Amino acid sequence: MELFRAHPSLCSLFLTTLEEWGATNIDWGLLGDEEFVDIFLRNLCTTDAVEKDALLKACSALLQPSPGGLLAAALMRREGCLSAEEYANFIAFTLRGSGNGWKPLDWSSLIEVLEDVAFSPDSEEPAWNLASLMSRGWIKRDHQTKFFRRVWQTSQISIEQKKTFFQWLYGQHQWSDLPKAPSSYPDEVFSLKVAYRLSATRRPYSSRRNRFKDRRNLSAIGG
Protein backbone atom coordinates (compact mmCIF):
# COMPACT_ATOMS: atom_id res chain seq x y z
CA MET A 1 0.00 0.00 0.00
CA GLU A 2 2.80 2.42 0.85
CA LEU A 3 4.18 1.99 -2.67
CA PHE A 4 0.83 2.99 -4.15
CA ARG A 5 0.51 6.00 -1.84
CA ALA A 6 3.94 7.20 -2.94
CA HIS A 7 3.17 6.82 -6.65
CA PRO A 8 -0.17 8.24 -7.85
CA SER A 9 0.41 6.69 -11.31
CA LEU A 10 0.18 3.24 -9.74
CA CYS A 11 -3.06 4.22 -8.00
CA SER A 12 -4.47 5.38 -11.31
CA LEU A 13 -3.55 2.08 -12.98
CA PHE A 14 -5.03 0.19 -10.03
CA LEU A 15 -8.35 2.01 -10.50
CA THR A 16 -8.29 1.31 -14.24
CA THR A 17 -7.69 -2.37 -13.55
CA LEU A 18 -10.50 -2.40 -11.00
CA GLU A 19 -12.86 -1.11 -13.68
CA GLU A 20 -11.62 -3.74 -16.11
CA TRP A 21 -12.08 -6.35 -13.38
CA GLY A 22 -15.69 -5.28 -12.89
CA ALA A 23 -15.34 -4.20 -9.28
CA THR A 24 -17.90 -1.73 -7.94
CA ASN A 25 -15.89 -0.71 -4.87
CA ILE A 26 -12.26 0.19 -4.26
CA ASP A 27 -10.86 -2.96 -2.73
CA TRP A 28 -7.15 -2.91 -1.96
CA GLY A 29 -7.49 -6.50 -0.82
CA LEU A 30 -7.50 -7.51 -4.48
CA LEU A 31 -3.74 -7.00 -4.47
CA GLY A 32 -3.74 -10.35 -2.68
CA ASP A 33 -5.87 -12.01 -5.38
CA GLU A 34 -3.68 -13.88 -7.89
CA GLU A 35 -6.04 -13.42 -10.84
CA PHE A 36 -6.39 -9.68 -10.24
CA VAL A 37 -2.64 -9.26 -9.76
CA ASP A 38 -2.06 -11.09 -13.04
CA ILE A 39 -4.23 -8.58 -14.92
CA PHE A 40 -2.62 -5.69 -13.06
CA LEU A 41 0.87 -6.91 -14.02
CA ARG A 42 -0.17 -7.22 -17.67
CA ASN A 43 -1.46 -3.64 -17.60
CA LEU A 44 1.66 -2.50 -15.75
CA CYS A 45 3.92 -3.97 -18.44
CA THR A 46 2.03 -2.36 -21.32
CA THR A 47 1.44 1.15 -19.94
CA ASP A 48 3.62 4.18 -20.49
CA ALA A 49 1.85 6.14 -17.74
CA VAL A 50 3.86 4.77 -14.81
CA GLU A 51 7.37 6.06 -14.13
CA LYS A 52 10.09 3.44 -14.39
CA ASP A 53 11.07 3.44 -10.71
CA ALA A 54 7.49 2.79 -9.63
CA LEU A 55 7.02 0.27 -12.42
CA LEU A 56 9.99 -1.85 -11.36
CA LYS A 57 9.13 -1.67 -7.67
CA ALA A 58 5.56 -2.79 -8.36
CA CYS A 59 6.73 -5.63 -10.62
CA SER A 60 9.14 -6.80 -7.94
CA ALA A 61 6.55 -6.58 -5.14
CA LEU A 62 3.81 -8.38 -7.10
CA LEU A 63 5.86 -10.87 -9.13
CA GLN A 64 4.10 -14.24 -9.34
CA PRO A 65 4.16 -17.34 -11.62
CA SER A 66 1.44 -16.29 -14.08
CA PRO A 67 1.25 -14.87 -17.62
CA GLY A 68 1.46 -11.34 -16.24
CA GLY A 69 4.31 -12.48 -14.03
CA LEU A 70 6.26 -13.68 -17.08
CA LEU A 71 5.83 -10.27 -18.69
CA ALA A 72 6.94 -8.57 -15.48
CA ALA A 73 9.96 -10.84 -15.08
CA ALA A 74 11.01 -10.16 -18.67
CA LEU A 75 10.78 -6.42 -18.05
CA MET A 76 12.80 -6.74 -14.83
CA ARG A 77 15.44 -8.82 -16.62
CA ARG A 78 15.76 -6.20 -19.38
CA GLU A 79 16.27 -3.54 -16.72
CA GLY A 80 18.87 -5.58 -14.86
CA CYS A 81 16.69 -6.23 -11.80
CA LEU A 82 16.95 -10.02 -12.15
CA SER A 83 20.13 -12.00 -12.71
CA ALA A 84 20.32 -14.56 -15.51
CA GLU A 85 20.06 -17.40 -12.97
CA GLU A 86 17.09 -15.84 -11.15
CA TYR A 87 15.32 -15.26 -14.45
CA ALA A 88 15.95 -18.79 -15.76
CA ASN A 89 14.73 -20.30 -12.48
CA PHE A 90 11.58 -18.17 -12.55
CA ILE A 91 10.83 -19.18 -16.15
CA ALA A 92 11.28 -22.88 -15.40
CA PHE A 93 9.21 -22.70 -12.21
CA THR A 94 6.38 -20.79 -13.90
CA LEU A 95 6.20 -22.95 -17.01
CA ARG A 96 5.93 -26.09 -14.89
CA GLY A 97 2.49 -24.83 -13.86
CA SER A 98 -0.70 -24.90 -15.90
CA GLY A 99 -1.69 -21.91 -18.01
CA ASN A 100 -5.31 -23.08 -18.25
CA GLY A 101 -6.46 -21.25 -15.15
CA TRP A 102 -5.37 -17.82 -16.39
CA LYS A 103 -6.94 -15.43 -18.85
CA PRO A 104 -5.30 -16.23 -22.24
CA LEU A 105 -2.63 -13.85 -23.44
CA ASP A 106 -3.47 -11.76 -26.49
CA TRP A 107 -1.16 -12.23 -29.46
CA SER A 108 0.87 -9.09 -28.77
CA SER A 109 1.66 -10.19 -25.21
CA LEU A 110 2.26 -13.77 -26.33
CA ILE A 111 4.89 -12.56 -28.82
CA GLU A 112 6.68 -10.85 -25.93
CA VAL A 113 6.56 -14.06 -23.89
CA LEU A 114 8.01 -15.97 -26.84
CA GLU A 115 10.75 -13.46 -27.59
CA ASP A 116 11.81 -12.63 -24.02
CA VAL A 117 10.90 -15.83 -22.16
CA ALA A 118 10.75 -18.93 -24.38
CA PHE A 119 13.61 -17.83 -26.65
CA SER A 120 15.66 -16.28 -23.83
CA PRO A 121 19.40 -17.00 -23.97
CA ASP A 122 19.25 -17.23 -20.17
CA SER A 123 17.16 -20.38 -20.48
CA GLU A 124 18.90 -23.75 -20.72
CA GLU A 125 16.51 -25.36 -23.21
CA PRO A 126 14.19 -23.17 -25.32
CA ALA A 127 12.63 -26.31 -26.87
CA TRP A 128 11.41 -27.35 -23.41
CA ASN A 129 9.98 -23.86 -22.83
CA LEU A 130 8.02 -24.08 -26.09
CA ALA A 131 6.76 -27.58 -25.41
CA SER A 132 5.70 -26.56 -21.91
CA LEU A 133 3.84 -23.51 -23.21
CA MET A 134 2.08 -25.73 -25.74
CA SER A 135 1.26 -28.73 -23.55
CA ARG A 136 0.20 -26.91 -20.40
CA GLY A 137 -2.35 -24.56 -21.91
CA TRP A 138 -0.40 -21.31 -22.20
CA ILE A 139 -1.14 -21.01 -25.95
CA LYS A 140 -4.81 -20.51 -26.81
CA ARG A 141 -5.98 -22.53 -29.80
CA ASP A 142 -6.64 -19.43 -31.91
CA HIS A 143 -2.95 -18.53 -31.69
CA GLN A 144 -1.45 -21.95 -32.44
CA THR A 145 -0.95 -21.40 -36.17
CA LYS A 146 0.92 -18.13 -35.62
CA PHE A 147 2.78 -19.68 -32.70
CA PHE A 148 4.22 -22.51 -34.83
CA ARG A 149 5.17 -20.09 -37.58
CA ARG A 150 6.90 -17.75 -35.12
CA VAL A 151 8.87 -20.64 -33.64
CA TRP A 152 10.06 -21.81 -37.03
CA GLN A 153 10.96 -18.35 -38.33
CA THR A 154 12.80 -16.96 -35.30
CA SER A 155 16.56 -16.54 -35.47
CA GLN A 156 16.88 -16.40 -31.67
CA ILE A 157 17.10 -20.16 -31.12
CA SER A 158 19.12 -22.82 -32.89
CA ILE A 159 17.93 -25.20 -35.59
CA GLU A 160 18.60 -28.04 -33.15
CA GLN A 161 16.22 -26.53 -30.58
CA LYS A 162 13.55 -26.06 -33.25
CA LYS A 163 14.07 -29.63 -34.42
CA THR A 164 13.66 -30.95 -30.87
CA PHE A 165 10.43 -29.01 -30.41
CA PHE A 166 8.91 -30.23 -33.68
CA GLN A 167 10.00 -33.78 -32.92
CA TRP A 168 8.17 -33.51 -29.59
CA LEU A 169 5.13 -32.18 -31.43
CA TYR A 170 5.11 -35.31 -33.61
CA GLY A 171 5.64 -37.68 -30.69
CA GLN A 172 9.24 -38.46 -31.62
CA HIS A 173 10.79 -36.80 -28.56
CA GLN A 174 9.67 -36.72 -24.96
CA TRP A 175 10.70 -35.00 -21.72
CA SER A 176 10.16 -36.90 -18.47
CA ASP A 177 8.61 -33.85 -16.79
CA LEU A 178 6.27 -32.84 -19.64
CA PRO A 179 2.99 -34.27 -20.94
CA LYS A 180 2.94 -35.65 -24.46
CA ALA A 181 2.20 -33.23 -27.26
CA PRO A 182 -1.51 -32.45 -27.66
CA SER A 183 -3.07 -33.99 -30.76
CA SER A 184 -5.45 -31.10 -31.39
CA TYR A 185 -3.22 -28.63 -33.23
CA PRO A 186 -4.92 -27.16 -36.32
CA ASP A 187 -4.56 -29.00 -39.63
CA GLU A 188 -3.83 -25.77 -41.47
CA VAL A 189 -0.82 -24.92 -39.30
CA PHE A 190 2.03 -23.49 -41.36
CA SER A 191 2.75 -26.78 -43.10
CA LEU A 192 4.17 -28.45 -40.00
CA LYS A 193 5.23 -31.48 -42.00
CA VAL A 194 7.40 -29.26 -44.17
CA ALA A 195 8.78 -27.47 -41.11
CA TYR A 196 9.67 -30.79 -39.50
CA ARG A 197 11.19 -32.14 -42.71
CA LEU A 198 13.37 -29.06 -42.99
CA SER A 199 14.48 -29.44 -39.37
CA ALA A 200 15.31 -33.15 -39.70
CA THR A 201 18.70 -34.59 -40.51
CA ARG A 202 17.50 -35.71 -43.92
CA ARG A 203 17.67 -33.08 -46.62
CA PRO A 204 15.31 -34.29 -49.38
CA TYR A 205 15.39 -31.09 -51.39
CA SER A 206 19.16 -30.81 -51.22
CA SER A 207 19.49 -34.43 -52.30
CA ARG A 208 17.23 -33.90 -55.32
CA ARG A 209 19.14 -30.77 -56.26
CA ASN A 210 22.47 -32.57 -56.01
CA ARG A 211 21.20 -35.46 -58.13
CA PHE A 212 20.06 -32.98 -60.75
CA LYS A 213 23.46 -31.25 -60.71
CA ASP A 214 25.21 -34.62 -61.05
CA ARG A 215 23.10 -35.55 -64.08
CA ARG A 216 23.74 -32.15 -65.63
CA ASN A 217 27.49 -32.51 -65.11
CA LEU A 218 27.47 -35.99 -66.65
CA SER A 219 25.55 -34.66 -69.64
CA ALA A 220 28.07 -31.87 -70.06
CA ILE A 221 30.95 -34.35 -69.96
CA GLY A 222 29.22 -36.64 -72.42
CA GLY A 223 28.55 -33.73 -74.76
C-alpha atoms as a PDB file:
ATOM      1  CA  MET A   1       0.000   0.000   0.000  1.00  0.00           C
ATOM      2  CA  GLU A   2       2.801   2.418   0.850  1.00  0.00           C
ATOM      3  CA  LEU A   3       4.182   1.986  -2.672  1.00  0.00           C
ATOM      4  CA  PHE A   4       0.830   2.993  -4.154  1.00  0.00           C
ATOM      5  CA  ARG A   5       0.514   5.997  -1.835  1.00  0.00           C
ATOM      6  CA  ALA A   6       3.942   7.195  -2.940  1.00  0.00           C
ATOM      7  CA  HIS A   7       3.166   6.820  -6.652  1.00  0.00           C
ATOM      8  CA  PRO A   8      -0.174   8.240  -7.851  1.00  0.00           C
ATOM      9  CA  SER A   9       0.407   6.688 -11.308  1.00  0.00           C
ATOM     10  CA  LEU A  10       0.179   3.236  -9.735  1.00  0.00           C
ATOM     11  CA  CYS A  11      -3.065   4.224  -8.003  1.00  0.00           C
ATOM     12  CA  SER A  12      -4.469   5.376 -11.315  1.00  0.00           C
ATOM     13  CA  LEU A  13      -3.548   2.077 -12.977  1.00  0.00           C
ATOM     14  CA  PHE A  14      -5.028   0.191 -10.027  1.00  0.00           C
ATOM     15  CA  LEU A  15      -8.351   2.012 -10.502  1.00  0.00           C
ATOM     16  CA  THR A  16      -8.295   1.305 -14.242  1.00  0.00           C
ATOM     17  CA  THR A  17      -7.687  -2.374 -13.550  1.00  0.00           C
ATOM     18  CA  LEU A  18     -10.504  -2.397 -10.997  1.00  0.00           C
ATOM     19  CA  GLU A  19     -12.859  -1.107 -13.676  1.00  0.00           C
ATOM     20  CA  GLU A  20     -11.616  -3.743 -16.110  1.00  0.00           C
ATOM     21  CA  TRP A  21     -12.080  -6.352 -13.383  1.00  0.00           C
ATOM     22  CA  GLY A  22     -15.686  -5.279 -12.890  1.00  0.00           C
ATOM     23  CA  ALA A  23     -15.338  -4.197  -9.276  1.00  0.00           C
ATOM     24  CA  THR A  24     -17.899  -1.735  -7.942  1.00  0.00           C
ATOM     25  CA  ASN A  25     -15.892  -0.706  -4.874  1.00  0.00           C
ATOM     26  CA  ILE A  26     -12.259   0.193  -4.264  1.00  0.00           C
ATOM     27  CA  ASP A  27     -10.862  -2.964  -2.731  1.00  0.00           C
ATOM     28  CA  TRP A  28      -7.153  -2.912  -1.962  1.00  0.00           C
ATOM     29  CA  GLY A  29      -7.491  -6.495  -0.820  1.00  0.00           C
ATOM     30  CA  LEU A  30      -7.503  -7.508  -4.485  1.00  0.00           C
ATOM     31  CA  LEU A  31      -3.741  -7.002  -4.470  1.00  0.00           C
ATOM     32  CA  GLY A  32      -3.744 -10.352  -2.676  1.00  0.00           C
ATOM     33  CA  ASP A  33      -5.867 -12.006  -5.380  1.00  0.00           C
ATOM     34  CA  GLU A  34      -3.682 -13.878  -7.887  1.00  0.00           C
ATOM     35  CA  GLU A  35      -6.043 -13.416 -10.835  1.00  0.00           C
ATOM     36  CA  PHE A  36      -6.393  -9.680 -10.244  1.00  0.00           C
ATOM     37  CA  VAL A  37      -2.643  -9.264  -9.760  1.00  0.00           C
ATOM     38  CA  ASP A  38      -2.057 -11.095 -13.043  1.00  0.00           C
ATOM     39  CA  ILE A  39      -4.231  -8.585 -14.920  1.00  0.00           C
ATOM     40  CA  PHE A  40      -2.619  -5.686 -13.064  1.00  0.00           C
ATOM     41  CA  LEU A  41       0.869  -6.915 -14.017  1.00  0.00           C
ATOM     42  CA  ARG A  42      -0.169  -7.215 -17.672  1.00  0.00           C
ATOM     43  CA  ASN A  43      -1.461  -3.645 -17.603  1.00  0.00           C
ATOM     44  CA  LEU A  44       1.657  -2.503 -15.752  1.00  0.00           C
ATOM     45  CA  CYS A  45       3.920  -3.973 -18.442  1.00  0.00           C
ATOM     46  CA  THR A  46       2.031  -2.360 -21.324  1.00  0.00           C
ATOM     47  CA  THR A  47       1.442   1.147 -19.936  1.00  0.00           C
ATOM     48  CA  ASP A  48       3.619   4.177 -20.488  1.00  0.00           C
ATOM     49  CA  ALA A  49       1.854   6.143 -17.738  1.00  0.00           C
ATOM     50  CA  VAL A  50       3.861   4.774 -14.812  1.00  0.00           C
ATOM     51  CA  GLU A  51       7.370   6.063 -14.130  1.00  0.00           C
ATOM     52  CA  LYS A  52      10.094   3.441 -14.394  1.00  0.00           C
ATOM     53  CA  ASP A  53      11.068   3.445 -10.714  1.00  0.00           C
ATOM     54  CA  ALA A  54       7.487   2.786  -9.628  1.00  0.00           C
ATOM     55  CA  LEU A  55       7.020   0.265 -12.422  1.00  0.00           C
ATOM     56  CA  LEU A  56       9.986  -1.848 -11.364  1.00  0.00           C
ATOM     57  CA  LYS A  57       9.132  -1.671  -7.668  1.00  0.00           C
ATOM     58  CA  ALA A  58       5.556  -2.788  -8.360  1.00  0.00           C
ATOM     59  CA  CYS A  59       6.727  -5.630 -10.616  1.00  0.00           C
ATOM     60  CA  SER A  60       9.143  -6.799  -7.935  1.00  0.00           C
ATOM     61  CA  ALA A  61       6.552  -6.582  -5.144  1.00  0.00           C
ATOM     62  CA  LEU A  62       3.810  -8.380  -7.097  1.00  0.00           C
ATOM     63  CA  LEU A  63       5.856 -10.869  -9.130  1.00  0.00           C
ATOM     64  CA  GLN A  64       4.103 -14.238  -9.337  1.00  0.00           C
ATOM     65  CA  PRO A  65       4.159 -17.338 -11.616  1.00  0.00           C
ATOM     66  CA  SER A  66       1.438 -16.288 -14.076  1.00  0.00           C
ATOM     67  CA  PRO A  67       1.250 -14.868 -17.618  1.00  0.00           C
ATOM     68  CA  GLY A  68       1.463 -11.340 -16.242  1.00  0.00           C
ATOM     69  CA  GLY A  69       4.308 -12.479 -14.028  1.00  0.00           C
ATOM     70  CA  LEU A  70       6.260 -13.684 -17.079  1.00  0.00           C
ATOM     71  CA  LEU A  71       5.833 -10.267 -18.694  1.00  0.00           C
ATOM     72  CA  ALA A  72       6.937  -8.571 -15.475  1.00  0.00           C
ATOM     73  CA  ALA A  73       9.961 -10.844 -15.077  1.00  0.00           C
ATOM     74  CA  ALA A  74      11.013 -10.160 -18.675  1.00  0.00           C
ATOM     75  CA  LEU A  75      10.780  -6.425 -18.051  1.00  0.00           C
ATOM     76  CA  MET A  76      12.798  -6.741 -14.834  1.00  0.00           C
ATOM     77  CA  ARG A  77      15.444  -8.815 -16.616  1.00  0.00           C
ATOM     78  CA  ARG A  78      15.762  -6.196 -19.379  1.00  0.00           C
ATOM     79  CA  GLU A  79      16.274  -3.536 -16.718  1.00  0.00           C
ATOM     80  CA  GLY A  80      18.874  -5.582 -14.859  1.00  0.00           C
ATOM     81  CA  CYS A  81      16.691  -6.229 -11.798  1.00  0.00           C
ATOM     82  CA  LEU A  82      16.950 -10.018 -12.148  1.00  0.00           C
ATOM     83  CA  SER A  83      20.129 -11.999 -12.708  1.00  0.00           C
ATOM     84  CA  ALA A  84      20.325 -14.564 -15.511  1.00  0.00           C
ATOM     85  CA  GLU A  85      20.059 -17.399 -12.972  1.00  0.00           C
ATOM     86  CA  GLU A  86      17.092 -15.844 -11.149  1.00  0.00           C
ATOM     87  CA  TYR A  87      15.317 -15.257 -14.445  1.00  0.00           C
ATOM     88  CA  ALA A  88      15.955 -18.788 -15.761  1.00  0.00           C
ATOM     89  CA  ASN A  89      14.728 -20.295 -12.482  1.00  0.00           C
ATOM     90  CA  PHE A  90      11.583 -18.165 -12.554  1.00  0.00           C
ATOM     91  CA  ILE A  91      10.826 -19.178 -16.150  1.00  0.00           C
ATOM     92  CA  ALA A  92      11.282 -22.885 -15.404  1.00  0.00           C
ATOM     93  CA  PHE A  93       9.206 -22.698 -12.210  1.00  0.00           C
ATOM     94  CA  THR A  94       6.380 -20.786 -13.897  1.00  0.00           C
ATOM     95  CA  LEU A  95       6.199 -22.952 -17.011  1.00  0.00           C
ATOM     96  CA  ARG A  96       5.929 -26.089 -14.891  1.00  0.00           C
ATOM     97  CA  GLY A  97       2.488 -24.829 -13.864  1.00  0.00           C
ATOM     98  CA  SER A  98      -0.701 -24.897 -15.898  1.00  0.00           C
ATOM     99  CA  GLY A  99      -1.692 -21.912 -18.005  1.00  0.00           C
ATOM    100  CA  ASN A 100      -5.305 -23.075 -18.248  1.00  0.00           C
ATOM    101  CA  GLY A 101      -6.463 -21.253 -15.148  1.00  0.00           C
ATOM    102  CA  TRP A 102      -5.370 -17.824 -16.390  1.00  0.00           C
ATOM    103  CA  LYS A 103      -6.944 -15.431 -18.851  1.00  0.00           C
ATOM    104  CA  PRO A 104      -5.298 -16.234 -22.238  1.00  0.00           C
ATOM    105  CA  LEU A 105      -2.630 -13.850 -23.440  1.00  0.00           C
ATOM    106  CA  ASP A 106      -3.473 -11.755 -26.486  1.00  0.00           C
ATOM    107  CA  TRP A 107      -1.162 -12.230 -29.455  1.00  0.00           C
ATOM    108  CA  SER A 108       0.870  -9.086 -28.773  1.00  0.00           C
ATOM    109  CA  SER A 109       1.665 -10.188 -25.210  1.00  0.00           C
ATOM    110  CA  LEU A 110       2.262 -13.768 -26.329  1.00  0.00           C
ATOM    111  CA  ILE A 111       4.887 -12.555 -28.819  1.00  0.00           C
ATOM    112  CA  GLU A 112       6.677 -10.846 -25.929  1.00  0.00           C
ATOM    113  CA  VAL A 113       6.563 -14.060 -23.893  1.00  0.00           C
ATOM    114  CA  LEU A 114       8.005 -15.971 -26.843  1.00  0.00           C
ATOM    115  CA  GLU A 115      10.748 -13.463 -27.592  1.00  0.00           C
ATOM    116  CA  ASP A 116      11.812 -12.635 -24.024  1.00  0.00           C
ATOM    117  CA  VAL A 117      10.895 -15.829 -22.164  1.00  0.00           C
ATOM    118  CA  ALA A 118      10.749 -18.930 -24.378  1.00  0.00           C
ATOM    119  CA  PHE A 119      13.606 -17.831 -26.648  1.00  0.00           C
ATOM    120  CA  SER A 120      15.657 -16.284 -23.835  1.00  0.00           C
ATOM    121  CA  PRO A 121      19.403 -17.004 -23.969  1.00  0.00           C
ATOM    122  CA  ASP A 122      19.251 -17.228 -20.172  1.00  0.00           C
ATOM    123  CA  SER A 123      17.158 -20.377 -20.480  1.00  0.00           C
ATOM    124  CA  GLU A 124      18.904 -23.746 -20.717  1.00  0.00           C
ATOM    125  CA  GLU A 125      16.510 -25.357 -23.212  1.00  0.00           C
ATOM    126  CA  PRO A 126      14.186 -23.174 -25.318  1.00  0.00           C
ATOM    127  CA  ALA A 127      12.629 -26.310 -26.874  1.00  0.00           C
ATOM    128  CA  TRP A 128      11.410 -27.351 -23.411  1.00  0.00           C
ATOM    129  CA  ASN A 129       9.981 -23.863 -22.834  1.00  0.00           C
ATOM    130  CA  LEU A 130       8.024 -24.077 -26.092  1.00  0.00           C
ATOM    131  CA  ALA A 131       6.762 -27.580 -25.408  1.00  0.00           C
ATOM    132  CA  SER A 132       5.704 -26.563 -21.910  1.00  0.00           C
ATOM    133  CA  LEU A 133       3.838 -23.507 -23.210  1.00  0.00           C
ATOM    134  CA  MET A 134       2.080 -25.729 -25.737  1.00  0.00           C
ATOM    135  CA  SER A 135       1.261 -28.731 -23.549  1.00  0.00           C
ATOM    136  CA  ARG A 136       0.197 -26.913 -20.401  1.00  0.00           C
ATOM    137  CA  GLY A 137      -2.348 -24.565 -21.905  1.00  0.00           C
ATOM    138  CA  TRP A 138      -0.396 -21.308 -22.197  1.00  0.00           C
ATOM    139  CA  ILE A 139      -1.136 -21.010 -25.949  1.00  0.00           C
ATOM    140  CA  LYS A 140      -4.805 -20.515 -26.812  1.00  0.00           C
ATOM    141  CA  ARG A 141      -5.979 -22.528 -29.799  1.00  0.00           C
ATOM    142  CA  ASP A 142      -6.644 -19.429 -31.911  1.00  0.00           C
ATOM    143  CA  HIS A 143      -2.945 -18.530 -31.689  1.00  0.00           C
ATOM    144  CA  GLN A 144      -1.453 -21.954 -32.438  1.00  0.00           C
ATOM    145  CA  THR A 145      -0.952 -21.403 -36.168  1.00  0.00           C
ATOM    146  CA  LYS A 146       0.915 -18.132 -35.622  1.00  0.00           C
ATOM    147  CA  PHE A 147       2.777 -19.684 -32.696  1.00  0.00           C
ATOM    148  CA  PHE A 148       4.221 -22.508 -34.828  1.00  0.00           C
ATOM    149  CA  ARG A 149       5.165 -20.087 -37.577  1.00  0.00           C
ATOM    150  CA  ARG A 150       6.895 -17.751 -35.120  1.00  0.00           C
ATOM    151  CA  VAL A 151       8.872 -20.635 -33.639  1.00  0.00           C
ATOM    152  CA  TRP A 152      10.058 -21.806 -37.034  1.00  0.00           C
ATOM    153  CA  GLN A 153      10.960 -18.350 -38.334  1.00  0.00           C
ATOM    154  CA  THR A 154      12.803 -16.959 -35.305  1.00  0.00           C
ATOM    155  CA  SER A 155      16.564 -16.542 -35.474  1.00  0.00           C
ATOM    156  CA  GLN A 156      16.881 -16.397 -31.671  1.00  0.00           C
ATOM    157  CA  ILE A 157      17.096 -20.165 -31.122  1.00  0.00           C
ATOM    158  CA  SER A 158      19.119 -22.821 -32.886  1.00  0.00           C
ATOM    159  CA  ILE A 159      17.930 -25.202 -35.589  1.00  0.00           C
ATOM    160  CA  GLU A 160      18.604 -28.037 -33.148  1.00  0.00           C
ATOM    161  CA  GLN A 161      16.219 -26.533 -30.579  1.00  0.00           C
ATOM    162  CA  LYS A 162      13.553 -26.059 -33.250  1.00  0.00           C
ATOM    163  CA  LYS A 163      14.069 -29.631 -34.417  1.00  0.00           C
ATOM    164  CA  THR A 164      13.656 -30.954 -30.873  1.00  0.00           C
ATOM    165  CA  PHE A 165      10.434 -29.007 -30.405  1.00  0.00           C
ATOM    166  CA  PHE A 166       8.908 -30.226 -33.679  1.00  0.00           C
ATOM    167  CA  GLN A 167       9.996 -33.782 -32.917  1.00  0.00           C
ATOM    168  CA  TRP A 168       8.171 -33.507 -29.591  1.00  0.00           C
ATOM    169  CA  LEU A 169       5.126 -32.177 -31.431  1.00  0.00           C
ATOM    170  CA  TYR A 170       5.106 -35.310 -33.608  1.00  0.00           C
ATOM    171  CA  GLY A 171       5.641 -37.676 -30.689  1.00  0.00           C
ATOM    172  CA  GLN A 172       9.239 -38.456 -31.616  1.00  0.00           C
ATOM    173  CA  HIS A 173      10.785 -36.800 -28.558  1.00  0.00           C
ATOM    174  CA  GLN A 174       9.674 -36.715 -24.959  1.00  0.00           C
ATOM    175  CA  TRP A 175      10.703 -34.999 -21.717  1.00  0.00           C
ATOM    176  CA  SER A 176      10.156 -36.897 -18.474  1.00  0.00           C
ATOM    177  CA  ASP A 177       8.607 -33.850 -16.790  1.00  0.00           C
ATOM    178  CA  LEU A 178       6.268 -32.844 -19.638  1.00  0.00           C
ATOM    179  CA  PRO A 179       2.994 -34.270 -20.944  1.00  0.00           C
ATOM    180  CA  LYS A 180       2.942 -35.654 -24.464  1.00  0.00           C
ATOM    181  CA  ALA A 181       2.198 -33.232 -27.259  1.00  0.00           C
ATOM    182  CA  PRO A 182      -1.507 -32.447 -27.663  1.00  0.00           C
ATOM    183  CA  SER A 183      -3.073 -33.994 -30.756  1.00  0.00           C
ATOM    184  CA  SER A 184      -5.451 -31.102 -31.386  1.00  0.00           C
ATOM    185  CA  TYR A 185      -3.222 -28.628 -33.230  1.00  0.00           C
ATOM    186  CA  PRO A 186      -4.920 -27.157 -36.324  1.00  0.00           C
ATOM    187  CA  ASP A 187      -4.564 -29.004 -39.633  1.00  0.00           C
ATOM    188  CA  GLU A 188      -3.831 -25.772 -41.474  1.00  0.00           C
ATOM    189  CA  VAL A 189      -0.820 -24.925 -39.298  1.00  0.00           C
ATOM    190  CA  PHE A 190       2.026 -23.486 -41.361  1.00  0.00           C
ATOM    191  CA  SER A 191       2.754 -26.785 -43.097  1.00  0.00           C
ATOM    192  CA  LEU A 192       4.170 -28.448 -39.998  1.00  0.00           C
ATOM    193  CA  LYS A 193       5.230 -31.477 -41.999  1.00  0.00           C
ATOM    194  CA  VAL A 194       7.397 -29.264 -44.170  1.00  0.00           C
ATOM    195  CA  ALA A 195       8.783 -27.473 -41.115  1.00  0.00           C
ATOM    196  CA  TYR A 196       9.675 -30.793 -39.499  1.00  0.00           C
ATOM    197  CA  ARG A 197      11.194 -32.144 -42.708  1.00  0.00           C
ATOM    198  CA  LEU A 198      13.368 -29.061 -42.987  1.00  0.00           C
ATOM    199  CA  SER A 199      14.478 -29.444 -39.374  1.00  0.00           C
ATOM    200  CA  ALA A 200      15.313 -33.149 -39.697  1.00  0.00           C
ATOM    201  CA  THR A 201      18.702 -34.586 -40.511  1.00  0.00           C
ATOM    202  CA  ARG A 202      17.496 -35.708 -43.922  1.00  0.00           C
ATOM    203  CA  ARG A 203      17.671 -33.077 -46.624  1.00  0.00           C
ATOM    204  CA  PRO A 204      15.314 -34.289 -49.375  1.00  0.00           C
ATOM    205  CA  TYR A 205      15.391 -31.094 -51.393  1.00  0.00           C
ATOM    206  CA  SER A 206      19.159 -30.809 -51.220  1.00  0.00           C
ATOM    207  CA  SER A 207      19.489 -34.425 -52.305  1.00  0.00           C
ATOM    208  CA  ARG A 208      17.230 -33.902 -55.322  1.00  0.00           C
ATOM    209  CA  ARG A 209      19.143 -30.765 -56.260  1.00  0.00           C
ATOM    210  CA  ASN A 210      22.469 -32.570 -56.013  1.00  0.00           C
ATOM    211  CA  ARG A 211      21.200 -35.458 -58.132  1.00  0.00           C
ATOM    212  CA  PHE A 212      20.059 -32.975 -60.754  1.00  0.00           C
ATOM    213  CA  LYS A 213      23.458 -31.246 -60.707  1.00  0.00           C
ATOM    214  CA  ASP A 214      25.214 -34.616 -61.053  1.00  0.00           C
ATOM    215  CA  ARG A 215      23.095 -35.555 -64.080  1.00  0.00           C
ATOM    216  CA  ARG A 216      23.742 -32.153 -65.634  1.00  0.00           C
ATOM    217  CA  ASN A 217      27.485 -32.512 -65.110  1.00  0.00           C
ATOM    218  CA  LEU A 218      27.465 -35.987 -66.654  1.00  0.00           C
ATOM    219  CA  SER A 219      25.546 -34.662 -69.638  1.00  0.00           C
ATOM    220  CA  ALA A 220      28.070 -31.871 -70.058  1.00  0.00           C
ATOM    221  CA  ILE A 221      30.953 -34.354 -69.961  1.00  0.00           C
ATOM    222  CA  GLY A 222      29.216 -36.640 -72.421  1.00  0.00           C
ATOM    223  CA  GLY A 223      28.554 -33.727 -74.763  1.00  0.00           C
END
